[in-house]
């Protein structure tokens, strides 16, 4: 399916039938990505009397219960309802599904306190205002280890709230990144980057989304 997308006076030909997958597959057990001390994903067949929801166990069909934590077990998309007192759902907030995106790779900056942070000047250097509705951040170094890293208690990299403020000013409505959170793992509940992106509670951007724990492999090149 070929479509034309126009951005800043330029027209790009896009093939929607050939997408690039930047999600992490959900996998049961401990040998997979995890953060915020979430319990691992579990998949268990339904057992009811003589019925077994597993063909391998002699049942007629595979009929299973799946238990997982969206924020801790893999790729997930959030709306402002993640931090709001009010009720917002992702299916109400995400109203369109194809967006012009820019993928960039950046090394987090090591701060004096040891934190690794994506700073505003780094984002300004790779994204001009109005360039893209969606901004995809791939942190470096980048390898398949990200698919099974346990981030819990490790203080992984995050975005400085001023960098997020720039993204909003530049017209970014959808932020995607390969980190557990846009904010510091433990920040005393401040959530400065989340609040900056959604402009909550002053002027909530109810249409905007954040997708965390993506994985963009090296075969996918930086750019639009």
N, C-alpha and C. Protein backbone atom coordinates (compact mmCIF):
# COMPACT_ATOMS: atom_id res chain seq x y z
N UNK A 1 0.85 -1.19 0.00
CA UNK A 1 0.00 0.00 0.00
C UNK A 1 0.89 1.23 0.00
N UNK A 2 0.92 1.94 -1.12
CA UNK A 2 1.78 3.10 -1.25
C UNK A 2 0.97 4.37 -0.98
N UNK A 3 1.54 5.25 -0.15
CA UNK A 3 0.89 6.53 0.14
C UNK A 3 1.92 7.63 0.04
N UNK A 4 1.45 8.83 -0.18
CA UNK A 4 2.32 10.00 -0.20
C UNK A 4 2.13 10.78 1.10
N UNK A 5 3.23 11.11 1.77
CA UNK A 5 3.20 11.93 2.97
C UNK A 5 3.97 13.21 2.71
N UNK A 6 3.34 14.34 3.00
CA UNK A 6 3.99 15.63 2.79
C UNK A 6 4.40 16.23 4.12
N UNK A 7 5.67 16.60 4.22
CA UNK A 7 6.21 17.20 5.43
C UNK A 7 7.10 18.36 5.04
N UNK A 8 6.77 19.54 5.56
CA UNK A 8 7.57 20.74 5.32
C UNK A 8 7.84 20.95 3.83
N UNK A 9 6.81 20.75 3.01
CA UNK A 9 6.94 21.01 1.59
C UNK A 9 7.55 19.88 0.78
N UNK A 10 7.98 18.82 1.43
CA UNK A 10 8.56 17.67 0.73
C UNK A 10 7.58 16.50 0.76
N UNK A 11 7.52 15.76 -0.33
CA UNK A 11 6.63 14.61 -0.41
C UNK A 11 7.44 13.32 -0.38
N UNK A 12 7.02 12.41 0.47
CA UNK A 12 7.71 11.14 0.62
C UNK A 12 6.76 10.01 0.23
N UNK A 13 7.28 9.05 -0.52
CA UNK A 13 6.51 7.87 -0.94
C UNK A 13 6.74 6.78 0.09
N UNK A 14 5.68 6.30 0.72
CA UNK A 14 5.80 5.32 1.79
C UNK A 14 5.01 4.06 1.47
N UNK A 15 5.60 2.91 1.77
CA UNK A 15 4.95 1.62 1.54
C UNK A 15 4.48 1.08 2.89
N UNK A 16 3.19 1.21 3.15
CA UNK A 16 2.64 0.78 4.44
C UNK A 16 2.53 -0.74 4.55
N UNK A 17 2.77 -1.46 3.44
CA UNK A 17 2.72 -2.92 3.49
C UNK A 17 4.06 -3.53 3.88
N UNK A 18 5.08 -2.67 4.08
CA UNK A 18 6.41 -3.17 4.44
C UNK A 18 6.92 -2.44 5.69
N UNK A 19 6.26 -2.65 6.84
CA UNK A 19 6.66 -1.93 8.05
C UNK A 19 7.95 -2.49 8.65
N UNK A 20 8.58 -1.68 9.49
CA UNK A 20 9.76 -2.11 10.24
C UNK A 20 9.32 -2.32 11.69
N UNK A 21 9.49 -3.52 12.18
CA UNK A 21 9.04 -3.88 13.53
C UNK A 21 10.05 -3.38 14.56
N UNK A 22 9.61 -2.52 15.47
CA UNK A 22 10.50 -2.05 16.55
C UNK A 22 9.93 -2.41 17.92
N UNK A 23 9.14 -3.46 17.97
CA UNK A 23 8.59 -3.91 19.24
C UNK A 23 9.43 -5.05 19.80
N UNK A 24 9.31 -5.25 21.11
CA UNK A 24 9.91 -6.41 21.76
C UNK A 24 8.82 -7.47 21.90
N UNK A 25 9.09 -8.72 21.53
CA UNK A 25 8.08 -9.77 21.71
C UNK A 25 7.91 -10.09 23.18
N UNK A 26 6.67 -10.29 23.60
CA UNK A 26 6.42 -10.73 24.97
C UNK A 26 6.82 -12.19 25.11
N UNK A 27 7.58 -12.48 26.16
CA UNK A 27 8.00 -13.86 26.39
C UNK A 27 7.80 -14.19 27.88
N UNK A 28 7.31 -15.38 28.12
CA UNK A 28 7.11 -15.82 29.49
C UNK A 28 8.45 -16.14 30.15
N UNK A 29 8.49 -16.06 31.48
CA UNK A 29 9.70 -16.42 32.21
C UNK A 29 10.62 -15.25 32.48
N UNK A 30 11.82 -15.58 32.94
CA UNK A 30 12.76 -14.56 33.38
C UNK A 30 13.80 -14.16 32.33
N UNK A 31 13.94 -14.94 31.27
CA UNK A 31 14.96 -14.64 30.27
C UNK A 31 14.42 -13.68 29.22
N UNK A 32 14.01 -12.51 29.68
CA UNK A 32 13.43 -11.50 28.82
C UNK A 32 13.56 -10.15 29.52
N UNK A 33 13.19 -9.09 28.84
CA UNK A 33 13.32 -7.76 29.44
C UNK A 33 12.39 -7.63 30.64
N UNK A 34 12.84 -6.85 31.62
CA UNK A 34 12.02 -6.63 32.82
C UNK A 34 12.44 -5.31 33.46
N UNK A 35 11.49 -4.62 34.04
CA UNK A 35 11.82 -3.40 34.78
C UNK A 35 10.78 -3.14 35.85
N UNK A 36 11.16 -2.28 36.79
CA UNK A 36 10.32 -1.88 37.92
C UNK A 36 9.86 -3.08 38.75
N UNK A 37 10.71 -4.10 38.80
CA UNK A 37 10.45 -5.28 39.64
C UNK A 37 9.11 -5.95 39.33
N UNK A 38 8.68 -5.85 38.09
CA UNK A 38 7.42 -6.47 37.69
C UNK A 38 7.55 -7.99 37.69
N UNK A 39 6.49 -8.71 38.05
CA UNK A 39 6.55 -10.17 37.94
C UNK A 39 6.66 -10.55 36.47
N UNK A 40 7.29 -11.67 36.16
CA UNK A 40 7.44 -12.07 34.76
C UNK A 40 6.09 -12.44 34.15
N UNK A 41 6.04 -12.37 32.84
CA UNK A 41 4.84 -12.78 32.12
C UNK A 41 4.59 -14.27 32.36
N UNK A 42 3.33 -14.64 32.48
CA UNK A 42 2.95 -16.03 32.69
C UNK A 42 1.89 -16.45 31.68
N UNK A 43 2.04 -17.65 31.13
CA UNK A 43 1.07 -18.22 30.21
C UNK A 43 0.73 -19.62 30.71
N UNK A 44 -0.52 -19.84 31.10
CA UNK A 44 -0.92 -21.14 31.67
C UNK A 44 -2.20 -21.63 31.02
N UNK A 45 -2.28 -22.92 30.69
CA UNK A 45 -3.51 -23.46 30.10
C UNK A 45 -4.64 -23.46 31.12
N UNK A 46 -5.84 -23.23 30.62
CA UNK A 46 -7.02 -23.31 31.46
C UNK A 46 -7.31 -24.77 31.78
N UNK A 47 -7.43 -25.07 33.06
CA UNK A 47 -7.77 -26.42 33.50
C UNK A 47 -9.13 -26.36 34.19
N UNK A 48 -10.09 -27.09 33.69
CA UNK A 48 -11.44 -27.09 34.27
C UNK A 48 -11.99 -28.52 34.23
N UNK A 49 -11.90 -29.20 35.36
CA UNK A 49 -12.33 -30.59 35.40
C UNK A 49 -11.46 -31.44 34.49
N UNK A 50 -12.10 -32.14 33.55
CA UNK A 50 -11.36 -32.97 32.60
C UNK A 50 -10.77 -32.17 31.45
N UNK A 51 -11.22 -30.93 31.33
CA UNK A 51 -10.76 -30.11 30.20
C UNK A 51 -9.37 -29.54 30.46
N UNK A 52 -8.50 -29.66 29.47
CA UNK A 52 -7.17 -29.09 29.53
C UNK A 52 -6.97 -28.19 28.31
N UNK A 53 -6.68 -26.95 28.55
CA UNK A 53 -6.51 -26.00 27.46
C UNK A 53 -5.12 -26.05 26.85
N UNK A 54 -4.66 -27.25 26.55
CA UNK A 54 -3.34 -27.44 25.96
C UNK A 54 -3.35 -28.69 25.11
N UNK A 55 -3.05 -28.54 23.83
CA UNK A 55 -2.98 -29.70 22.95
C UNK A 55 -1.84 -30.62 23.38
N UNK A 56 -0.73 -30.03 23.85
CA UNK A 56 0.41 -30.82 24.29
C UNK A 56 0.06 -31.68 25.50
N UNK A 57 -0.92 -31.25 26.29
CA UNK A 57 -1.35 -32.02 27.47
C UNK A 57 -2.55 -32.91 27.17
N UNK A 58 -2.92 -33.02 25.89
CA UNK A 58 -4.03 -33.89 25.50
C UNK A 58 -5.35 -33.18 25.29
N UNK A 59 -5.38 -31.87 25.44
CA UNK A 59 -6.61 -31.13 25.24
C UNK A 59 -6.92 -30.92 23.77
N UNK A 60 -8.15 -30.50 23.45
CA UNK A 60 -8.54 -30.33 22.05
C UNK A 60 -8.02 -29.03 21.42
N UNK A 61 -7.79 -28.01 22.25
CA UNK A 61 -7.33 -26.71 21.73
C UNK A 61 -6.36 -26.09 22.73
N UNK A 62 -5.62 -25.11 22.28
CA UNK A 62 -4.80 -24.31 23.18
C UNK A 62 -5.64 -23.12 23.65
N UNK A 63 -5.92 -23.09 24.94
CA UNK A 63 -6.84 -22.12 25.54
C UNK A 63 -6.19 -21.68 26.84
N UNK A 64 -5.53 -20.51 26.81
CA UNK A 64 -4.63 -20.17 27.91
C UNK A 64 -5.00 -18.85 28.58
N UNK A 65 -4.56 -18.73 29.82
CA UNK A 65 -4.59 -17.46 30.54
C UNK A 65 -3.23 -16.80 30.40
N UNK A 66 -3.23 -15.50 30.13
CA UNK A 66 -2.00 -14.74 30.01
C UNK A 66 -2.00 -13.64 31.07
N UNK A 67 -0.92 -13.59 31.84
CA UNK A 67 -0.80 -12.57 32.88
C UNK A 67 0.50 -11.81 32.64
N UNK A 68 0.41 -10.49 32.51
CA UNK A 68 1.62 -9.70 32.31
C UNK A 68 1.43 -8.28 32.82
N UNK A 69 2.54 -7.59 33.01
CA UNK A 69 2.52 -6.20 33.44
C UNK A 69 2.94 -5.34 32.25
N UNK A 70 2.05 -4.54 31.67
CA UNK A 70 2.40 -3.78 30.47
C UNK A 70 3.64 -2.91 30.62
N UNK A 71 3.82 -2.30 31.78
CA UNK A 71 4.95 -1.39 31.97
C UNK A 71 6.25 -2.10 32.28
N UNK A 72 6.18 -3.35 32.66
CA UNK A 72 7.39 -4.03 33.08
C UNK A 72 7.86 -5.17 32.23
N UNK A 73 6.99 -5.65 31.32
CA UNK A 73 7.31 -6.88 30.59
C UNK A 73 7.60 -6.71 29.10
N UNK A 74 7.54 -5.48 28.59
CA UNK A 74 7.84 -5.32 27.17
C UNK A 74 7.34 -4.02 26.60
N UNK A 75 7.32 -3.94 25.28
CA UNK A 75 6.90 -2.73 24.58
C UNK A 75 5.46 -2.36 24.94
N UNK A 76 5.24 -1.10 25.28
CA UNK A 76 3.91 -0.66 25.65
C UNK A 76 3.74 0.82 25.31
N UNK A 77 2.52 1.21 25.04
CA UNK A 77 2.20 2.60 24.71
C UNK A 77 1.31 3.20 25.78
N UNK A 78 1.69 4.39 26.22
CA UNK A 78 0.98 5.08 27.30
C UNK A 78 0.31 6.35 26.78
N UNK A 79 -0.79 6.71 27.41
CA UNK A 79 -1.39 8.02 27.20
C UNK A 79 -1.31 8.77 28.53
N UNK A 80 -1.88 9.96 28.57
CA UNK A 80 -1.79 10.79 29.77
C UNK A 80 -2.45 10.11 30.98
N UNK A 81 -3.31 9.12 30.72
CA UNK A 81 -3.92 8.38 31.82
C UNK A 81 -2.91 7.67 32.70
N UNK A 82 -1.69 7.52 32.22
CA UNK A 82 -0.64 6.88 33.01
C UNK A 82 -0.30 7.69 34.27
N UNK A 83 -0.47 9.01 34.20
CA UNK A 83 -0.10 9.86 35.34
C UNK A 83 -1.25 10.71 35.85
N UNK A 84 -2.40 10.66 35.19
CA UNK A 84 -3.51 11.56 35.52
C UNK A 84 -4.42 10.99 36.60
N UNK A 85 -5.03 11.90 37.36
CA UNK A 85 -6.07 11.49 38.30
C UNK A 85 -7.34 11.10 37.55
N UNK A 86 -7.56 11.78 36.44
CA UNK A 86 -8.72 11.49 35.62
C UNK A 86 -8.49 10.19 34.84
N UNK A 87 -9.59 9.66 34.29
CA UNK A 87 -9.49 8.42 33.53
C UNK A 87 -9.34 8.72 32.04
N UNK A 88 -8.21 8.30 31.47
CA UNK A 88 -7.98 8.39 30.03
C UNK A 88 -7.53 7.00 29.56
N UNK A 89 -8.06 6.55 28.45
CA UNK A 89 -7.65 5.24 27.93
C UNK A 89 -6.93 5.43 26.61
N UNK A 90 -6.05 4.49 26.29
CA UNK A 90 -5.25 4.61 25.08
C UNK A 90 -6.11 4.54 23.82
N UNK A 91 -7.18 3.75 23.83
CA UNK A 91 -8.02 3.65 22.63
C UNK A 91 -8.79 4.93 22.37
N UNK A 92 -9.00 5.75 23.40
CA UNK A 92 -9.63 7.05 23.22
C UNK A 92 -8.61 8.10 22.79
N UNK A 93 -7.38 7.95 23.26
CA UNK A 93 -6.36 8.97 23.02
C UNK A 93 -5.69 8.82 21.67
N UNK A 94 -5.42 7.58 21.25
CA UNK A 94 -4.73 7.34 19.99
C UNK A 94 -5.77 7.23 18.88
N UNK A 95 -5.91 8.34 18.14
CA UNK A 95 -7.02 8.44 17.18
C UNK A 95 -6.59 8.20 15.74
N UNK A 96 -5.31 8.28 15.45
CA UNK A 96 -4.81 7.97 14.10
C UNK A 96 -3.57 7.12 14.26
N UNK A 97 -3.21 6.37 13.21
CA UNK A 97 -2.25 5.29 13.40
C UNK A 97 -1.05 5.32 12.46
N UNK A 98 -1.01 6.26 11.54
CA UNK A 98 0.16 6.40 10.68
C UNK A 98 0.71 7.81 10.86
N UNK A 99 1.98 7.88 11.22
CA UNK A 99 2.61 9.17 11.50
C UNK A 99 3.99 9.23 10.87
N UNK A 100 4.37 10.39 10.42
CA UNK A 100 5.71 10.58 9.88
C UNK A 100 6.69 10.57 11.05
N UNK A 101 7.65 9.66 11.01
CA UNK A 101 8.54 9.44 12.15
C UNK A 101 10.00 9.65 11.78
N UNK A 102 10.80 10.02 12.77
CA UNK A 102 12.24 10.12 12.60
C UNK A 102 12.92 9.29 13.68
N UNK A 103 13.80 8.39 13.24
CA UNK A 103 14.59 7.56 14.16
C UNK A 103 15.98 8.15 14.30
N UNK A 104 16.42 8.34 15.55
CA UNK A 104 17.77 8.83 15.79
C UNK A 104 18.44 7.95 16.85
N UNK A 105 19.76 7.86 16.77
CA UNK A 105 20.55 7.10 17.74
C UNK A 105 21.43 8.05 18.53
N UNK A 106 21.36 7.97 19.84
CA UNK A 106 22.12 8.88 20.69
C UNK A 106 22.75 8.13 21.86
N UNK A 107 23.96 8.55 22.24
CA UNK A 107 24.57 8.08 23.47
C UNK A 107 24.08 8.97 24.62
N UNK A 108 23.56 8.39 25.68
CA UNK A 108 23.22 9.20 26.85
C UNK A 108 24.47 9.88 27.40
N UNK A 109 24.29 11.06 27.96
CA UNK A 109 25.39 11.81 28.56
C UNK A 109 25.54 11.40 30.02
N UNK A 110 26.76 11.05 30.43
CA UNK A 110 26.99 10.68 31.83
C UNK A 110 27.16 11.95 32.65
N UNK A 111 26.31 12.10 33.65
CA UNK A 111 26.32 13.29 34.50
C UNK A 111 27.27 13.10 35.68
N UNK A 112 27.51 14.17 36.41
CA UNK A 112 28.43 14.12 37.55
C UNK A 112 27.98 13.14 38.62
N UNK A 113 26.65 12.95 38.76
CA UNK A 113 26.14 12.02 39.77
C UNK A 113 26.09 10.58 39.27
N UNK A 114 26.57 10.35 38.04
CA UNK A 114 26.59 9.01 37.48
C UNK A 114 25.39 8.66 36.62
N UNK A 115 24.34 9.48 36.67
CA UNK A 115 23.17 9.23 35.84
C UNK A 115 23.54 9.39 34.36
N UNK A 116 22.85 8.63 33.50
CA UNK A 116 23.02 8.74 32.05
C UNK A 116 21.74 9.34 31.49
N UNK A 117 21.89 10.51 30.87
CA UNK A 117 20.72 11.31 30.52
C UNK A 117 20.82 11.82 29.08
N UNK A 118 19.69 11.79 28.37
CA UNK A 118 19.58 12.43 27.07
C UNK A 118 19.22 13.89 27.31
N UNK A 119 20.10 14.80 26.87
CA UNK A 119 19.94 16.22 27.16
C UNK A 119 19.32 16.98 26.00
N UNK A 120 18.83 18.17 26.30
CA UNK A 120 18.13 18.97 25.30
C UNK A 120 19.00 19.27 24.08
N UNK A 121 20.26 19.65 24.29
CA UNK A 121 21.09 20.02 23.15
C UNK A 121 21.33 18.83 22.22
N UNK A 122 21.30 17.61 22.76
CA UNK A 122 21.45 16.43 21.91
C UNK A 122 20.24 16.25 21.00
N UNK A 123 19.06 16.49 21.54
CA UNK A 123 17.85 16.35 20.74
C UNK A 123 17.74 17.48 19.72
N UNK A 124 18.10 18.68 20.12
CA UNK A 124 18.05 19.82 19.20
C UNK A 124 18.94 19.59 17.99
N UNK A 125 20.04 18.86 18.19
CA UNK A 125 21.00 18.63 17.11
C UNK A 125 20.49 17.64 16.06
N UNK A 126 19.48 16.84 16.41
CA UNK A 126 19.03 15.79 15.48
C UNK A 126 17.59 15.95 15.02
N UNK A 127 16.87 16.92 15.59
CA UNK A 127 15.47 17.11 15.21
C UNK A 127 15.16 18.59 15.09
N UNK A 128 14.75 18.99 13.90
CA UNK A 128 14.33 20.37 13.68
C UNK A 128 12.84 20.51 13.94
N UNK A 129 12.38 21.68 14.35
CA UNK A 129 10.95 21.87 14.57
C UNK A 129 10.13 21.53 13.33
N UNK A 130 9.05 20.77 13.54
CA UNK A 130 8.15 20.42 12.45
C UNK A 130 8.60 19.28 11.57
N UNK A 131 9.72 18.64 11.90
CA UNK A 131 10.24 17.57 11.03
C UNK A 131 9.41 16.30 11.08
N UNK A 132 8.87 15.96 12.24
CA UNK A 132 8.20 14.66 12.37
C UNK A 132 7.19 14.71 13.51
N UNK A 133 6.10 13.99 13.33
CA UNK A 133 5.10 13.87 14.39
C UNK A 133 5.53 12.86 15.45
N UNK A 134 6.32 11.87 15.01
CA UNK A 134 6.78 10.82 15.92
C UNK A 134 8.30 10.83 15.99
N UNK A 135 8.83 10.75 17.18
CA UNK A 135 10.27 10.76 17.41
C UNK A 135 10.67 9.43 18.05
N UNK A 136 11.54 8.68 17.36
CA UNK A 136 11.96 7.37 17.84
C UNK A 136 13.41 7.46 18.29
N UNK A 137 13.63 7.21 19.56
CA UNK A 137 14.97 7.32 20.14
C UNK A 137 15.57 5.93 20.37
N UNK A 138 16.71 5.68 19.73
CA UNK A 138 17.47 4.46 19.95
C UNK A 138 18.73 4.86 20.72
N UNK A 139 18.89 4.36 21.93
CA UNK A 139 20.07 4.69 22.72
C UNK A 139 21.22 3.77 22.35
N UNK A 140 22.40 4.30 22.47
CA UNK A 140 23.63 3.57 22.17
C UNK A 140 24.40 3.27 23.46
N UNK A 141 25.12 2.15 23.51
CA UNK A 141 25.22 1.11 22.48
C UNK A 141 23.91 0.34 22.34
N UNK A 142 23.76 -0.28 21.17
CA UNK A 142 22.50 -0.98 20.86
C UNK A 142 22.79 -2.40 20.40
N UNK A 143 22.26 -3.37 21.13
CA UNK A 143 22.40 -4.77 20.72
C UNK A 143 21.24 -5.59 21.27
N UNK A 144 21.20 -6.85 20.92
CA UNK A 144 20.08 -7.72 21.30
C UNK A 144 20.00 -7.97 22.81
N UNK A 145 21.01 -7.56 23.56
CA UNK A 145 20.96 -7.71 25.01
C UNK A 145 19.77 -6.95 25.59
N UNK A 146 19.35 -5.90 24.90
CA UNK A 146 18.20 -5.12 25.37
C UNK A 146 16.93 -5.97 25.46
N UNK A 147 16.88 -7.06 24.71
CA UNK A 147 15.70 -7.91 24.70
C UNK A 147 15.56 -8.75 25.96
N UNK A 148 16.63 -8.83 26.76
CA UNK A 148 16.57 -9.65 27.98
C UNK A 148 17.27 -8.99 29.17
N UNK A 149 17.33 -7.67 29.16
CA UNK A 149 17.95 -6.94 30.27
C UNK A 149 16.96 -6.75 31.41
N UNK A 150 17.42 -7.00 32.63
CA UNK A 150 16.62 -6.70 33.81
C UNK A 150 17.05 -5.32 34.30
N UNK A 151 16.21 -4.33 34.09
CA UNK A 151 16.53 -2.94 34.43
C UNK A 151 16.21 -2.60 35.88
N UNK A 152 15.53 -3.48 36.58
CA UNK A 152 15.06 -3.16 37.92
C UNK A 152 16.22 -2.83 38.86
N UNK A 153 16.16 -1.65 39.47
CA UNK A 153 17.19 -1.23 40.41
C UNK A 153 18.50 -0.83 39.78
N UNK A 154 18.54 -0.72 38.44
CA UNK A 154 19.80 -0.44 37.74
C UNK A 154 19.96 1.03 37.36
N UNK A 155 18.97 1.86 37.65
CA UNK A 155 18.99 3.28 37.28
C UNK A 155 19.36 3.45 35.81
N UNK A 156 18.54 2.95 34.89
CA UNK A 156 18.84 3.05 33.45
C UNK A 156 18.77 4.50 32.96
N UNK A 157 19.27 4.76 31.77
CA UNK A 157 19.22 6.12 31.22
C UNK A 157 17.78 6.64 31.11
N UNK A 158 17.67 7.96 31.01
CA UNK A 158 16.35 8.59 30.89
C UNK A 158 16.51 9.94 30.19
N UNK A 159 15.41 10.64 29.97
CA UNK A 159 15.43 11.92 29.27
C UNK A 159 15.33 13.08 30.26
N UNK A 160 16.13 14.10 30.03
CA UNK A 160 15.98 15.31 30.83
C UNK A 160 14.66 15.98 30.43
N UNK A 161 13.96 16.53 31.40
CA UNK A 161 12.66 17.11 31.08
C UNK A 161 12.76 18.27 30.10
N UNK A 162 13.91 18.96 30.06
CA UNK A 162 14.06 20.05 29.10
C UNK A 162 14.18 19.50 27.67
N UNK A 163 14.73 18.31 27.52
CA UNK A 163 14.77 17.67 26.21
C UNK A 163 13.36 17.33 25.74
N UNK A 164 12.53 16.89 26.67
CA UNK A 164 11.14 16.56 26.35
C UNK A 164 10.36 17.84 26.02
N UNK A 165 10.62 18.90 26.75
CA UNK A 165 9.97 20.17 26.45
C UNK A 165 10.28 20.62 25.02
N UNK A 166 11.52 20.38 24.58
CA UNK A 166 11.88 20.73 23.21
C UNK A 166 11.11 19.87 22.22
N UNK A 167 10.98 18.58 22.49
CA UNK A 167 10.22 17.70 21.60
C UNK A 167 8.79 18.20 21.42
N UNK A 168 8.18 18.61 22.51
CA UNK A 168 6.81 19.13 22.44
C UNK A 168 6.77 20.39 21.59
N UNK A 169 7.72 21.30 21.84
CA UNK A 169 7.77 22.55 21.08
C UNK A 169 8.04 22.30 19.60
N UNK A 170 8.74 21.20 19.29
CA UNK A 170 9.07 20.87 17.90
C UNK A 170 7.93 20.16 17.19
N UNK A 171 6.84 19.90 17.89
CA UNK A 171 5.67 19.31 17.26
C UNK A 171 5.56 17.80 17.37
N UNK A 172 6.36 17.19 18.24
CA UNK A 172 6.30 15.73 18.41
C UNK A 172 5.07 15.36 19.24
N UNK A 173 4.26 14.48 18.69
CA UNK A 173 3.06 14.01 19.38
C UNK A 173 3.21 12.59 19.91
N UNK A 174 4.17 11.85 19.34
CA UNK A 174 4.36 10.46 19.75
C UNK A 174 5.85 10.22 19.95
N UNK A 175 6.21 9.87 21.16
CA UNK A 175 7.60 9.63 21.54
C UNK A 175 7.79 8.14 21.78
N UNK A 176 8.77 7.55 21.09
CA UNK A 176 9.07 6.13 21.23
C UNK A 176 10.53 5.98 21.60
N UNK A 177 10.84 5.14 22.58
CA UNK A 177 12.21 4.97 23.03
C UNK A 177 12.45 3.58 23.56
N UNK A 178 13.73 3.18 23.59
CA UNK A 178 14.07 1.82 24.00
C UNK A 178 14.47 1.72 25.47
N UNK A 179 13.95 2.62 26.27
CA UNK A 179 14.24 2.64 27.70
C UNK A 179 12.99 2.28 28.50
N UNK A 180 13.15 1.87 29.76
CA UNK A 180 11.98 1.54 30.57
C UNK A 180 11.06 2.72 30.83
N UNK A 181 11.65 3.93 30.82
CA UNK A 181 10.85 5.11 31.14
C UNK A 181 11.53 6.36 30.61
N UNK A 182 10.73 7.39 30.33
CA UNK A 182 11.32 8.67 29.97
C UNK A 182 11.92 9.34 31.20
N UNK A 183 11.48 8.93 32.38
CA UNK A 183 11.97 9.51 33.63
C UNK A 183 12.94 8.60 34.36
N UNK A 184 13.63 9.17 35.33
CA UNK A 184 14.53 8.42 36.19
C UNK A 184 13.76 7.30 36.89
N UNK A 185 14.41 6.16 37.08
CA UNK A 185 13.73 5.02 37.70
C UNK A 185 13.13 5.41 39.05
N UNK A 186 13.89 6.10 39.86
CA UNK A 186 13.40 6.58 41.16
C UNK A 186 13.63 8.08 41.22
N UNK A 187 12.54 8.83 41.16
CA UNK A 187 12.66 10.29 41.18
C UNK A 187 11.75 10.93 42.21
N UNK A 188 11.30 10.13 43.17
CA UNK A 188 10.44 10.66 44.22
C UNK A 188 9.04 11.01 43.74
N UNK A 189 8.64 10.45 42.59
CA UNK A 189 7.30 10.71 42.08
C UNK A 189 7.16 12.00 41.30
N UNK A 190 8.27 12.65 40.96
CA UNK A 190 8.20 13.92 40.23
C UNK A 190 7.72 13.72 38.79
N UNK A 191 8.23 12.70 38.11
CA UNK A 191 7.82 12.39 36.74
C UNK A 191 7.90 13.62 35.84
N UNK A 192 9.01 14.32 35.90
CA UNK A 192 9.15 15.59 35.19
C UNK A 192 9.02 15.44 33.68
N UNK A 193 9.61 14.40 33.12
CA UNK A 193 9.56 14.21 31.67
C UNK A 193 8.15 13.81 31.21
N UNK A 194 7.52 12.91 31.94
CA UNK A 194 6.14 12.54 31.62
C UNK A 194 5.24 13.77 31.64
N UNK A 195 5.37 14.55 32.69
CA UNK A 195 4.52 15.74 32.84
C UNK A 195 4.81 16.77 31.75
N UNK A 196 6.08 16.91 31.40
CA UNK A 196 6.44 17.85 30.34
C UNK A 196 5.85 17.42 29.00
N UNK A 197 5.89 16.14 28.72
CA UNK A 197 5.40 15.66 27.43
C UNK A 197 3.88 15.80 27.32
N UNK A 198 3.18 15.46 28.38
CA UNK A 198 1.72 15.52 28.34
C UNK A 198 1.18 16.86 28.83
N UNK A 199 2.08 17.75 29.30
CA UNK A 199 1.69 19.06 29.82
C UNK A 199 0.57 18.92 30.86
N UNK A 200 0.78 17.95 31.71
CA UNK A 200 -0.21 17.66 32.75
C UNK A 200 0.24 18.26 34.09
N UNK A 201 -0.65 18.89 34.84
CA UNK A 201 -2.11 18.95 34.65
C UNK A 201 -2.61 20.23 33.97
N UNK A 202 -1.69 21.12 33.56
CA UNK A 202 -2.11 22.42 33.06
C UNK A 202 -2.96 22.33 31.79
N UNK A 203 -2.40 21.75 30.73
CA UNK A 203 -3.10 21.62 29.46
C UNK A 203 -2.85 20.23 28.90
N UNK A 204 -3.53 19.23 29.40
CA UNK A 204 -3.24 17.84 29.02
C UNK A 204 -3.31 17.61 27.51
N UNK A 205 -2.23 17.03 26.98
CA UNK A 205 -2.21 16.64 25.56
C UNK A 205 -2.78 15.22 25.48
N UNK A 206 -4.07 15.13 25.41
CA UNK A 206 -4.73 13.83 25.51
C UNK A 206 -4.49 12.96 24.28
N UNK A 207 -4.06 13.55 23.16
CA UNK A 207 -3.83 12.79 21.94
C UNK A 207 -2.41 12.24 21.87
N UNK A 208 -1.52 12.71 22.72
CA UNK A 208 -0.10 12.37 22.65
C UNK A 208 0.17 11.04 23.35
N UNK A 209 1.18 10.30 22.86
CA UNK A 209 1.51 9.00 23.44
C UNK A 209 3.02 8.85 23.64
N UNK A 210 3.36 8.00 24.58
CA UNK A 210 4.74 7.59 24.83
C UNK A 210 4.80 6.07 24.72
N UNK A 211 5.70 5.56 23.91
CA UNK A 211 5.92 4.12 23.79
C UNK A 211 7.30 3.79 24.32
N UNK A 212 7.36 2.96 25.34
CA UNK A 212 8.63 2.61 25.98
C UNK A 212 8.99 1.16 25.70
N UNK A 213 10.28 0.85 25.89
CA UNK A 213 10.81 -0.50 25.68
C UNK A 213 10.61 -0.99 24.24
N UNK A 214 10.90 -0.12 23.27
CA UNK A 214 10.98 -0.58 21.89
C UNK A 214 12.34 -1.22 21.69
N UNK A 215 12.55 -1.82 20.53
CA UNK A 215 13.88 -2.28 20.14
C UNK A 215 14.04 -2.11 18.64
N UNK A 216 14.89 -1.18 18.24
CA UNK A 216 15.18 -0.94 16.83
C UNK A 216 16.54 -1.56 16.51
N UNK A 217 16.54 -2.69 15.82
CA UNK A 217 17.81 -3.37 15.56
C UNK A 217 18.67 -2.57 14.60
N UNK A 218 19.93 -2.97 14.50
CA UNK A 218 20.91 -2.20 13.74
C UNK A 218 20.60 -2.15 12.25
N UNK A 219 19.80 -3.07 11.75
CA UNK A 219 19.46 -3.08 10.32
C UNK A 219 18.57 -1.89 9.95
N UNK A 220 17.91 -1.30 10.94
CA UNK A 220 17.05 -0.14 10.69
C UNK A 220 17.92 1.11 10.83
N UNK A 221 18.04 1.86 9.77
CA UNK A 221 18.95 3.01 9.76
C UNK A 221 18.28 4.26 10.34
N UNK A 222 19.10 5.13 10.87
CA UNK A 222 18.60 6.42 11.34
C UNK A 222 17.96 7.20 10.19
N UNK A 223 16.97 7.99 10.52
CA UNK A 223 16.35 8.84 9.52
C UNK A 223 14.85 8.69 9.51
N UNK A 224 14.22 9.16 8.44
CA UNK A 224 12.77 9.13 8.34
C UNK A 224 12.29 7.74 7.92
